PDB file of all heavy atoms in Angstrom:
ATOM      1  N   LEU A   1      11.657 -24.380 -25.416  1.00  0.00           N
ATOM      2  CA  LEU A   1      11.851 -22.929 -25.193  1.00  0.00           C
ATOM      3  C   LEU A   1      10.612 -22.100 -25.007  1.00  0.00           C
ATOM      4  O   LEU A   1      10.542 -21.363 -24.090  1.00  0.00           O
ATOM      5  CB  LEU A   1      12.650 -22.341 -26.445  1.00  0.00           C
ATOM      6  CG  LEU A   1      13.008 -20.837 -26.410  1.00  0.00           C
ATOM      7  CD1 LEU A   1      13.795 -20.466 -25.166  1.00  0.00           C
ATOM      8  CD2 LEU A   1      13.623 -20.384 -27.683  1.00  0.00           C
ATOM      9  N   ALA A   2       9.646 -22.419 -25.770  1.00  0.00           N
ATOM     10  CA  ALA A   2       8.318 -21.676 -25.665  1.00  0.00           C
ATOM     11  C   ALA A   2       7.643 -22.020 -24.288  1.00  0.00           C
ATOM     12  O   ALA A   2       7.157 -21.109 -23.623  1.00  0.00           O
ATOM     13  CB  ALA A   2       7.357 -22.061 -26.738  1.00  0.00           C
ATOM     14  N   VAL A   3       7.576 -23.294 -23.923  1.00  0.00           N
ATOM     15  CA  VAL A   3       7.066 -23.668 -22.602  1.00  0.00           C
ATOM     16  C   VAL A   3       7.812 -22.974 -21.471  1.00  0.00           C
ATOM     17  O   VAL A   3       7.264 -22.509 -20.546  1.00  0.00           O
ATOM     18  CB  VAL A   3       6.996 -25.262 -22.519  1.00  0.00           C
ATOM     19  CG1 VAL A   3       6.633 -25.561 -21.083  1.00  0.00           C
ATOM     20  CG2 VAL A   3       6.077 -25.828 -23.550  1.00  0.00           C
ATOM     21  N   SER A   4       9.203 -23.000 -21.586  1.00  0.00           N
ATOM     22  CA  SER A   4       9.896 -22.409 -20.555  1.00  0.00           C
ATOM     23  C   SER A   4       9.660 -20.899 -20.389  1.00  0.00           C
ATOM     24  O   SER A   4       9.480 -20.388 -19.326  1.00  0.00           O
ATOM     25  CB  SER A   4      11.486 -22.595 -20.810  1.00  0.00           C
ATOM     26  OG  SER A   4      12.226 -21.817 -19.967  1.00  0.00           O
ATOM     27  N   VAL A   5       9.523 -20.153 -21.546  1.00  0.00           N
ATOM     28  CA  VAL A   5       9.196 -18.816 -21.589  1.00  0.00           C
ATOM     29  C   VAL A   5       7.832 -18.547 -20.917  1.00  0.00           C
ATOM     30  O   VAL A   5       7.666 -17.700 -20.129  1.00  0.00           O
ATOM     31  CB  VAL A   5       9.233 -18.179 -23.034  1.00  0.00           C
ATOM     32  CG1 VAL A   5       8.797 -16.783 -22.968  1.00  0.00           C
ATOM     33  CG2 VAL A   5      10.710 -18.231 -23.459  1.00  0.00           C
ATOM     34  N   LEU A   6       6.875 -19.345 -21.352  1.00  0.00           N
ATOM     35  CA  LEU A   6       5.506 -19.078 -20.830  1.00  0.00           C
ATOM     36  C   LEU A   6       5.499 -19.418 -19.327  1.00  0.00           C
ATOM     37  O   LEU A   6       4.767 -18.783 -18.534  1.00  0.00           O
ATOM     38  CB  LEU A   6       4.570 -20.111 -21.571  1.00  0.00           C
ATOM     39  CG  LEU A   6       4.238 -19.672 -22.988  1.00  0.00           C
ATOM     40  CD1 LEU A   6       3.425 -20.784 -23.712  1.00  0.00           C
ATOM     41  CD2 LEU A   6       3.537 -18.423 -23.071  1.00  0.00           C
ATOM     42  N   ALA A   7       6.199 -20.430 -18.893  1.00  0.00           N
ATOM     43  CA  ALA A   7       6.268 -20.766 -17.479  1.00  0.00           C
ATOM     44  C   ALA A   7       6.835 -19.536 -16.641  1.00  0.00           C
ATOM     45  O   ALA A   7       6.309 -19.194 -15.589  1.00  0.00           O
ATOM     46  CB  ALA A   7       6.929 -21.994 -17.207  1.00  0.00           C
ATOM     47  N   ASP A   8       7.995 -18.956 -17.199  1.00  0.00           N
ATOM     48  CA  ASP A   8       8.611 -17.849 -16.524  1.00  0.00           C
ATOM     49  C   ASP A   8       7.662 -16.705 -16.493  1.00  0.00           C
ATOM     50  O   ASP A   8       7.651 -15.887 -15.507  1.00  0.00           O
ATOM     51  CB  ASP A   8       9.833 -17.361 -17.337  1.00  0.00           C
ATOM     52  CG  ASP A   8      10.963 -18.461 -17.096  1.00  0.00           C
ATOM     53  OD1 ASP A   8      10.847 -19.242 -16.058  1.00  0.00           O
ATOM     54  OD2 ASP A   8      11.963 -18.486 -17.976  1.00  0.00           O
ATOM     55  N   SER A   9       6.833 -16.409 -17.508  1.00  0.00           N
ATOM     56  CA  SER A   9       5.909 -15.408 -17.488  1.00  0.00           C
ATOM     57  C   SER A   9       4.711 -15.566 -16.409  1.00  0.00           C
ATOM     58  O   SER A   9       4.479 -14.631 -15.786  1.00  0.00           O
ATOM     59  CB  SER A   9       5.236 -15.375 -18.914  1.00  0.00           C
ATOM     60  OG  SER A   9       4.144 -14.412 -18.886  1.00  0.00           O
ATOM     61  N   ASP A  10       4.279 -16.807 -16.399  1.00  0.00           N
ATOM     62  CA  ASP A  10       3.263 -17.098 -15.293  1.00  0.00           C
ATOM     63  C   ASP A  10       3.848 -16.893 -13.951  1.00  0.00           C
ATOM     64  O   ASP A  10       3.218 -16.370 -12.920  1.00  0.00           O
ATOM     65  CB  ASP A  10       2.808 -18.519 -15.334  1.00  0.00           C
ATOM     66  CG  ASP A  10       1.906 -18.691 -16.619  1.00  0.00           C
ATOM     67  OD1 ASP A  10       1.405 -17.720 -17.156  1.00  0.00           O
ATOM     68  OD2 ASP A  10       1.547 -19.837 -17.078  1.00  0.00           O
ATOM     69  N   LYS A  11       5.062 -17.386 -13.722  1.00  0.00           N
ATOM     70  CA  LYS A  11       5.813 -17.127 -12.432  1.00  0.00           C
ATOM     71  C   LYS A  11       6.005 -15.783 -12.147  1.00  0.00           C
ATOM     72  O   LYS A  11       5.771 -15.273 -10.971  1.00  0.00           O
ATOM     73  CB  LYS A  11       7.115 -17.951 -12.534  1.00  0.00           C
ATOM     74  CG  LYS A  11       7.859 -18.058 -11.201  1.00  0.00           C
ATOM     75  CD  LYS A  11       9.126 -18.900 -11.346  1.00  0.00           C
ATOM     76  CE  LYS A  11       9.807 -18.959  -9.894  1.00  0.00           C
ATOM     77  NZ  LYS A  11      11.055 -19.919 -10.064  1.00  0.00           N
ATOM     78  N   LYS A  12       6.386 -14.851 -13.074  1.00  0.00           N
ATOM     79  CA  LYS A  12       6.524 -13.432 -12.876  1.00  0.00           C
ATOM     80  C   LYS A  12       5.253 -12.875 -12.379  1.00  0.00           C
ATOM     81  O   LYS A  12       5.161 -12.035 -11.491  1.00  0.00           O
ATOM     82  CB  LYS A  12       7.043 -12.804 -14.145  1.00  0.00           C
ATOM     83  CG  LYS A  12       7.341 -11.341 -13.986  1.00  0.00           C
ATOM     84  CD  LYS A  12       7.865 -10.715 -15.242  1.00  0.00           C
ATOM     85  CE  LYS A  12       8.178  -9.205 -15.134  1.00  0.00           C
ATOM     86  NZ  LYS A  12       7.073  -8.459 -14.957  1.00  0.00           N
ATOM     87  N   GLU A  13       4.092 -13.176 -13.053  1.00  0.00           N
ATOM     88  CA  GLU A  13       2.808 -12.691 -12.735  1.00  0.00           C
ATOM     89  C   GLU A  13       2.446 -13.067 -11.301  1.00  0.00           C
ATOM     90  O   GLU A  13       1.893 -12.138 -10.567  1.00  0.00           O
ATOM     91  CB  GLU A  13       1.679 -13.241 -13.650  1.00  0.00           C
ATOM     92  CG  GLU A  13       0.425 -12.671 -13.441  1.00  0.00           C
ATOM     93  CD  GLU A  13      -0.660 -13.279 -14.223  1.00  0.00           C
ATOM     94  OE1 GLU A  13      -0.578 -14.490 -14.597  1.00  0.00           O
ATOM     95  OE2 GLU A  13      -1.569 -12.572 -14.772  1.00  0.00           O
ATOM     96  N   SER A  14       2.796 -14.227 -10.961  1.00  0.00           N
ATOM     97  CA  SER A  14       2.504 -14.687  -9.579  1.00  0.00           C
ATOM     98  C   SER A  14       3.242 -13.897  -8.479  1.00  0.00           C
ATOM     99  O   SER A  14       2.658 -13.524  -7.453  1.00  0.00           O
ATOM    100  CB  SER A  14       2.849 -16.215  -9.412  1.00  0.00           C
ATOM    101  OG  SER A  14       2.888 -16.592  -8.030  1.00  0.00           O
ATOM    102  N   THR A  15       4.498 -13.647  -8.727  1.00  0.00           N
ATOM    103  CA  THR A  15       5.355 -12.999  -7.761  1.00  0.00           C
ATOM    104  C   THR A  15       4.895 -11.436  -7.711  1.00  0.00           C
ATOM    105  O   THR A  15       5.182 -10.872  -6.642  1.00  0.00           O
ATOM    106  CB  THR A  15       6.780 -13.140  -8.055  1.00  0.00           C
ATOM    107  OG1 THR A  15       7.091 -12.605  -9.427  1.00  0.00           O
ATOM    108  CG2 THR A  15       7.287 -14.560  -8.006  1.00  0.00           C
ATOM    109  N   ASP A  16       4.272 -11.032  -8.618  1.00  0.00           N
ATOM    110  CA  ASP A  16       3.801  -9.633  -8.652  1.00  0.00           C
ATOM    111  C   ASP A  16       2.513  -9.313  -7.800  1.00  0.00           C
ATOM    112  O   ASP A  16       2.148  -8.248  -7.636  1.00  0.00           O
ATOM    113  CB  ASP A  16       3.562  -9.029 -10.035  1.00  0.00           C
ATOM    114  CG  ASP A  16       4.945  -8.849 -10.793  1.00  0.00           C
ATOM    115  OD1 ASP A  16       6.003  -8.715 -10.121  1.00  0.00           O
ATOM    116  OD2 ASP A  16       4.882  -8.622 -12.018  1.00  0.00           O
ATOM    117  N   LEU A  17       1.878 -10.421  -7.420  1.00  0.00           N
ATOM    118  CA  LEU A  17       0.629 -10.317  -6.733  1.00  0.00           C
ATOM    119  C   LEU A  17       0.782 -10.495  -5.205  1.00  0.00           C
ATOM    120  O   LEU A  17       1.629 -11.099  -4.736  1.00  0.00           O
ATOM    121  CB  LEU A  17      -0.371 -11.332  -7.209  1.00  0.00           C
ATOM    122  CG  LEU A  17      -0.793 -11.150  -8.775  1.00  0.00           C
ATOM    123  CD1 LEU A  17      -1.742 -12.180  -9.193  1.00  0.00           C
ATOM    124  CD2 LEU A  17      -1.417  -9.770  -9.052  1.00  0.00           C
ATOM    125  N   LYS A  18      -0.120  -9.864  -4.476  1.00  0.00           N
ATOM    126  CA  LYS A  18      -0.140 -10.055  -3.021  1.00  0.00           C
ATOM    127  C   LYS A  18      -1.445 -10.834  -2.723  1.00  0.00           C
ATOM    128  O   LYS A  18      -2.511 -10.637  -3.137  1.00  0.00           O
ATOM    129  CB  LYS A  18      -0.369  -8.607  -2.350  1.00  0.00           C
ATOM    130  CG  LYS A  18      -0.545  -8.675  -0.851  1.00  0.00           C
ATOM    131  CD  LYS A  18      -0.802  -7.384  -0.258  1.00  0.00           C
ATOM    132  CE  LYS A  18      -2.160  -6.752  -0.499  1.00  0.00           C
ATOM    133  NZ  LYS A  18      -2.408  -5.535   0.158  1.00  0.00           N
ATOM    134  N   TYR A  19      -1.152 -11.921  -1.864  1.00  0.00           N
ATOM    135  CA  TYR A  19      -2.212 -12.828  -1.580  1.00  0.00           C
ATOM    136  C   TYR A  19      -2.611 -12.752  -0.140  1.00  0.00           C
ATOM    137  O   TYR A  19      -1.735 -12.587   0.731  1.00  0.00           O
ATOM    138  CB  TYR A  19      -1.704 -14.384  -1.854  1.00  0.00           C
ATOM    139  CG  TYR A  19      -1.782 -14.604  -3.377  1.00  0.00           C
ATOM    140  CD1 TYR A  19      -0.804 -14.414  -4.237  1.00  0.00           C
ATOM    141  CD2 TYR A  19      -2.909 -15.240  -3.839  1.00  0.00           C
ATOM    142  CE1 TYR A  19      -0.839 -14.729  -5.560  1.00  0.00           C
ATOM    143  CE2 TYR A  19      -3.077 -15.613  -5.177  1.00  0.00           C
ATOM    144  CZ  TYR A  19      -2.062 -15.330  -6.071  1.00  0.00           C
ATOM    145  OH  TYR A  19      -2.103 -15.605  -7.398  1.00  0.00           O
ATOM    146  N   VAL A  20      -3.865 -12.945   0.194  1.00  0.00           N
ATOM    147  CA  VAL A  20      -4.404 -12.968   1.419  1.00  0.00           C
ATOM    148  C   VAL A  20      -5.136 -14.244   1.760  1.00  0.00           C
ATOM    149  O   VAL A  20      -5.816 -14.766   0.803  1.00  0.00           O
ATOM    150  CB  VAL A  20      -5.258 -11.784   1.781  1.00  0.00           C
ATOM    151  CG1 VAL A  20      -4.496 -10.415   1.567  1.00  0.00           C
ATOM    152  CG2 VAL A  20      -6.560 -11.781   0.917  1.00  0.00           C
ATOM    153  N   ASP A  21      -5.116 -14.859   2.944  1.00  0.00           N
ATOM    154  CA  ASP A  21      -5.779 -15.948   3.324  1.00  0.00           C
ATOM    155  C   ASP A  21      -7.247 -15.790   3.171  1.00  0.00           C
ATOM    156  O   ASP A  21      -7.861 -14.780   3.720  1.00  0.00           O
ATOM    157  CB  ASP A  21      -5.447 -16.344   4.768  1.00  0.00           C
ATOM    158  CG  ASP A  21      -5.917 -17.661   5.256  1.00  0.00           C
ATOM    159  OD1 ASP A  21      -6.788 -18.413   4.348  1.00  0.00           O
ATOM    160  OD2 ASP A  21      -5.487 -18.186   6.187  1.00  0.00           O
ATOM    161  N   GLY A  22      -8.037 -16.718   2.667  1.00  0.00           N
ATOM    162  CA  GLY A  22      -9.484 -16.702   2.597  1.00  0.00           C
ATOM    163  C   GLY A  22     -10.136 -16.441   3.934  1.00  0.00           C
ATOM    164  O   GLY A  22     -11.237 -15.711   3.977  1.00  0.00           O
ATOM    165  N   PHE A  23      -9.549 -16.950   4.918  1.00  0.00           N
ATOM    166  CA  PHE A  23     -10.159 -16.777   6.283  1.00  0.00           C
ATOM    167  C   PHE A  23     -10.021 -15.423   6.862  1.00  0.00           C
ATOM    168  O   PHE A  23     -10.628 -15.115   7.904  1.00  0.00           O
ATOM    169  CB  PHE A  23      -9.595 -17.819   7.274  1.00  0.00           C
ATOM    170  CG  PHE A  23     -10.213 -19.206   6.989  1.00  0.00           C
ATOM    171  CD1 PHE A  23      -9.482 -20.221   6.530  1.00  0.00           C
ATOM    172  CD2 PHE A  23     -11.481 -19.484   7.455  1.00  0.00           C
ATOM    173  CE1 PHE A  23     -10.060 -21.482   6.257  1.00  0.00           C
ATOM    174  CE2 PHE A  23     -12.073 -20.741   7.318  1.00  0.00           C
ATOM    175  CZ  PHE A  23     -11.409 -21.712   6.637  1.00  0.00           C
ATOM    176  N   SER A  24      -9.268 -14.620   6.177  1.00  0.00           N
ATOM    177  CA  SER A  24      -9.228 -13.179   6.622  1.00  0.00           C
ATOM    178  C   SER A  24     -10.301 -12.369   6.055  1.00  0.00           C
ATOM    179  O   SER A  24     -10.531 -11.195   6.428  1.00  0.00           O
ATOM    180  CB  SER A  24      -7.885 -12.488   6.290  1.00  0.00           C
ATOM    181  OG  SER A  24      -7.818 -12.403   4.952  1.00  0.00           O
ATOM    182  N   LEU A  25     -11.200 -12.945   5.257  1.00  0.00           N
ATOM    183  CA  LEU A  25     -12.344 -12.360   4.541  1.00  0.00           C
ATOM    184  C   LEU A  25     -13.522 -13.043   5.219  1.00  0.00           C
ATOM    185  O   LEU A  25     -13.534 -13.693   6.115  1.00  0.00           O
ATOM    186  CB  LEU A  25     -12.165 -12.467   3.011  1.00  0.00           C
ATOM    187  CG  LEU A  25     -10.870 -11.940   2.535  1.00  0.00           C
ATOM    188  CD1 LEU A  25     -10.632 -12.349   0.974  1.00  0.00           C
ATOM    189  CD2 LEU A  25     -10.760 -10.428   2.601  1.00  0.00           C
ATOM    190  N   ARG A  26     -14.683 -12.695   4.621  1.00  0.00           N
ATOM    191  CA  ARG A  26     -16.010 -13.219   5.076  1.00  0.00           C
ATOM    192  C   ARG A  26     -16.288 -14.599   4.402  1.00  0.00           C
ATOM    193  O   ARG A  26     -16.267 -14.707   3.153  1.00  0.00           O
ATOM    194  CB  ARG A  26     -17.140 -12.270   4.782  1.00  0.00           C
ATOM    195  CG  ARG A  26     -18.404 -12.805   5.262  1.00  0.00           C
ATOM    196  CD  ARG A  26     -19.620 -11.791   4.997  1.00  0.00           C
ATOM    197  NE  ARG A  26     -19.376 -10.661   5.835  1.00  0.00           N
ATOM    198  CZ  ARG A  26     -19.815  -9.329   5.418  1.00  0.00           C
ATOM    199  NH1 ARG A  26     -20.551  -9.289   4.377  1.00  0.00           N
ATOM    200  NH2 ARG A  26     -19.712  -8.368   6.231  1.00  0.00           N
ATOM    201  N   ILE A  27     -16.448 -15.626   5.231  1.00  0.00           N
ATOM    202  CA  ILE A  27     -16.772 -16.953   4.798  1.00  0.00           C
ATOM    203  C   ILE A  27     -18.262 -17.071   4.851  1.00  0.00           C
ATOM    204  O   ILE A  27     -18.850 -16.924   5.907  1.00  0.00           O
ATOM    205  CB  ILE A  27     -16.043 -17.995   5.511  1.00  0.00           C
ATOM    206  CG1 ILE A  27     -14.574 -17.798   5.592  1.00  0.00           C
ATOM    207  CG2 ILE A  27     -16.317 -19.471   4.865  1.00  0.00           C
ATOM    208  CD1 ILE A  27     -13.883 -17.816   4.134  1.00  0.00           C
ATOM    209  N   MET A  28     -18.990 -17.553   3.730  1.00  0.00           N
ATOM    210  CA  MET A  28     -20.404 -17.684   3.789  1.00  0.00           C
ATOM    211  C   MET A  28     -20.701 -19.164   3.453  1.00  0.00           C
ATOM    212  O   MET A  28     -19.845 -19.856   2.848  1.00  0.00           O
ATOM    213  CB  MET A  28     -21.030 -16.834   2.710  1.00  0.00           C
ATOM    214  CG  MET A  28     -20.641 -15.318   2.699  1.00  0.00           C
ATOM    215  SD  MET A  28     -21.006 -14.526   4.160  1.00  0.00           S
ATOM    216  CE  MET A  28     -22.781 -14.601   4.181  1.00  0.00           C
ATOM    217  N   GLY A  29     -21.812 -19.712   3.898  1.00  0.00           N
ATOM    218  CA  GLY A  29     -22.264 -20.879   3.484  1.00  0.00           C
ATOM    219  C   GLY A  29     -21.868 -22.038   4.500  1.00  0.00           C
ATOM    220  O   GLY A  29     -22.017 -23.296   4.160  1.00  0.00           O
ATOM    221  N   LYS A  30     -21.227 -21.712   5.673  1.00  0.00           N
ATOM    222  CA  LYS A  30     -20.927 -22.670   6.662  1.00  0.00           C
ATOM    223  C   LYS A  30     -21.302 -22.130   8.025  1.00  0.00           C
ATOM    224  O   LYS A  30     -21.178 -20.859   8.166  1.00  0.00           O
ATOM    225  CB  LYS A  30     -19.438 -23.098   6.692  1.00  0.00           C
ATOM    226  CG  LYS A  30     -18.477 -22.058   6.871  1.00  0.00           C
ATOM    227  CD  LYS A  30     -17.065 -22.578   6.672  1.00  0.00           C
ATOM    228  CE  LYS A  30     -16.434 -23.337   7.702  1.00  0.00           C
ATOM    229  NZ  LYS A  30     -15.882 -22.647   8.851  1.00  0.00           N
ATOM    230  N   TYR A  31     -21.800 -22.877   8.982  1.00  0.00           N
ATOM    231  CA  TYR A  31     -22.308 -22.330  10.156  1.00  0.00           C
ATOM    232  C   TYR A  31     -21.375 -22.447  11.338  1.00  0.00           C
ATOM    233  O   TYR A  31     -21.564 -21.819  12.391  1.00  0.00           O
ATOM    234  CB  TYR A  31     -23.685 -22.968  10.523  1.00  0.00           C
ATOM    235  CG  TYR A  31     -23.578 -24.330  11.126  1.00  0.00           C
ATOM    236  CD1 TYR A  31     -23.553 -24.615  12.606  1.00  0.00           C
ATOM    237  CD2 TYR A  31     -23.411 -25.595  10.336  1.00  0.00           C
ATOM    238  CE1 TYR A  31     -23.407 -25.872  13.064  1.00  0.00           C
ATOM    239  CE2 TYR A  31     -23.381 -26.830  10.846  1.00  0.00           C
ATOM    240  CZ  TYR A  31     -23.322 -26.963  12.184  1.00  0.00           C
ATOM    241  OH  TYR A  31     -23.254 -28.194  12.692  1.00  0.00           O
ATOM    242  N   HIS A  32     -20.348 -23.230  11.281  1.00  0.00           N
ATOM    243  CA  HIS A  32     -19.483 -23.355  12.426  1.00  0.00           C
ATOM    244  C   HIS A  32     -18.195 -22.543  12.217  1.00  0.00           C
ATOM    245  O   HIS A  32     -17.765 -22.169  11.125  1.00  0.00           O
ATOM    246  CB  HIS A  32     -19.103 -24.822  12.493  1.00  0.00           C
ATOM    247  CG  HIS A  32     -18.279 -25.460  11.346  1.00  0.00           C
ATOM    248  ND1 HIS A  32     -17.046 -25.463  11.282  1.00  0.00           N
ATOM    249  CD2 HIS A  32     -18.857 -26.080  10.325  1.00  0.00           C
ATOM    250  CE1 HIS A  32     -16.634 -25.970  10.082  1.00  0.00           C
ATOM    251  NE2 HIS A  32     -17.708 -26.400   9.493  1.00  0.00           N
ATOM    252  N   PRO A  33     -17.509 -22.276  13.324  1.00  0.00           N
ATOM    253  CA  PRO A  33     -16.389 -21.392  13.167  1.00  0.00           C
ATOM    254  C   PRO A  33     -15.010 -22.013  13.022  1.00  0.00           C
ATOM    255  O   PRO A  33     -13.941 -21.386  13.027  1.00  0.00           O
ATOM    256  CB  PRO A  33     -16.298 -20.652  14.671  1.00  0.00           C
ATOM    257  CG  PRO A  33     -16.848 -21.861  15.515  1.00  0.00           C
ATOM    258  CD  PRO A  33     -17.898 -22.603  14.740  1.00  0.00           C
ATOM    259  N   GLU A  34     -14.947 -23.304  12.818  1.00  0.00           N
ATOM    260  CA  GLU A  34     -13.711 -24.105  12.613  1.00  0.00           C
ATOM    261  C   GLU A  34     -12.929 -23.524  11.412  1.00  0.00           C
ATOM    262  O   GLU A  34     -13.626 -23.158  10.306  1.00  0.00           O
ATOM    263  CB  GLU A  34     -13.995 -25.564  12.488  1.00  0.00           C
ATOM    264  CG  GLU A  34     -14.398 -26.104  13.812  1.00  0.00           C
ATOM    265  CD  GLU A  34     -14.821 -27.579  13.577  1.00  0.00           C
ATOM    266  OE1 GLU A  34     -14.439 -28.202  12.526  1.00  0.00           O
ATOM    267  OE2 GLU A  34     -15.387 -28.224  14.519  1.00  0.00           O
ATOM    268  N   LYS A  35     -11.704 -23.462  11.402  1.00  0.00           N
ATOM    269  CA  LYS A  35     -10.911 -22.910  10.295  1.00  0.00           C
ATOM    270  C   LYS A  35     -10.664 -23.916   9.182  1.00  0.00           C
ATOM    271  O   LYS A  35      -9.571 -24.386   9.063  1.00  0.00           O
ATOM    272  CB  LYS A  35      -9.611 -22.279  10.809  1.00  0.00           C
ATOM    273  CG  LYS A  35      -8.980 -21.241   9.885  1.00  0.00           C
ATOM    274  CD  LYS A  35      -7.790 -20.582  10.505  1.00  0.00           C
ATOM    275  CE  LYS A  35      -7.181 -19.508   9.527  1.00  0.00           C
ATOM    276  NZ  LYS A  35      -5.971 -18.830  10.210  1.00  0.00           N
TER     277      LYS A  35
END
C-alpha cells in the first residue's frame, strides 16, 4: 500500500510538469551539430 501510494505521488508530480527537449536549449561541450 505504501509503495503504491508513493508511486502514485511520483506519477502525479511527473504529470504536473512541462518537459522540453534538451536540444531546444544550448548544448555545450561538443563541437559538431549532430543531434
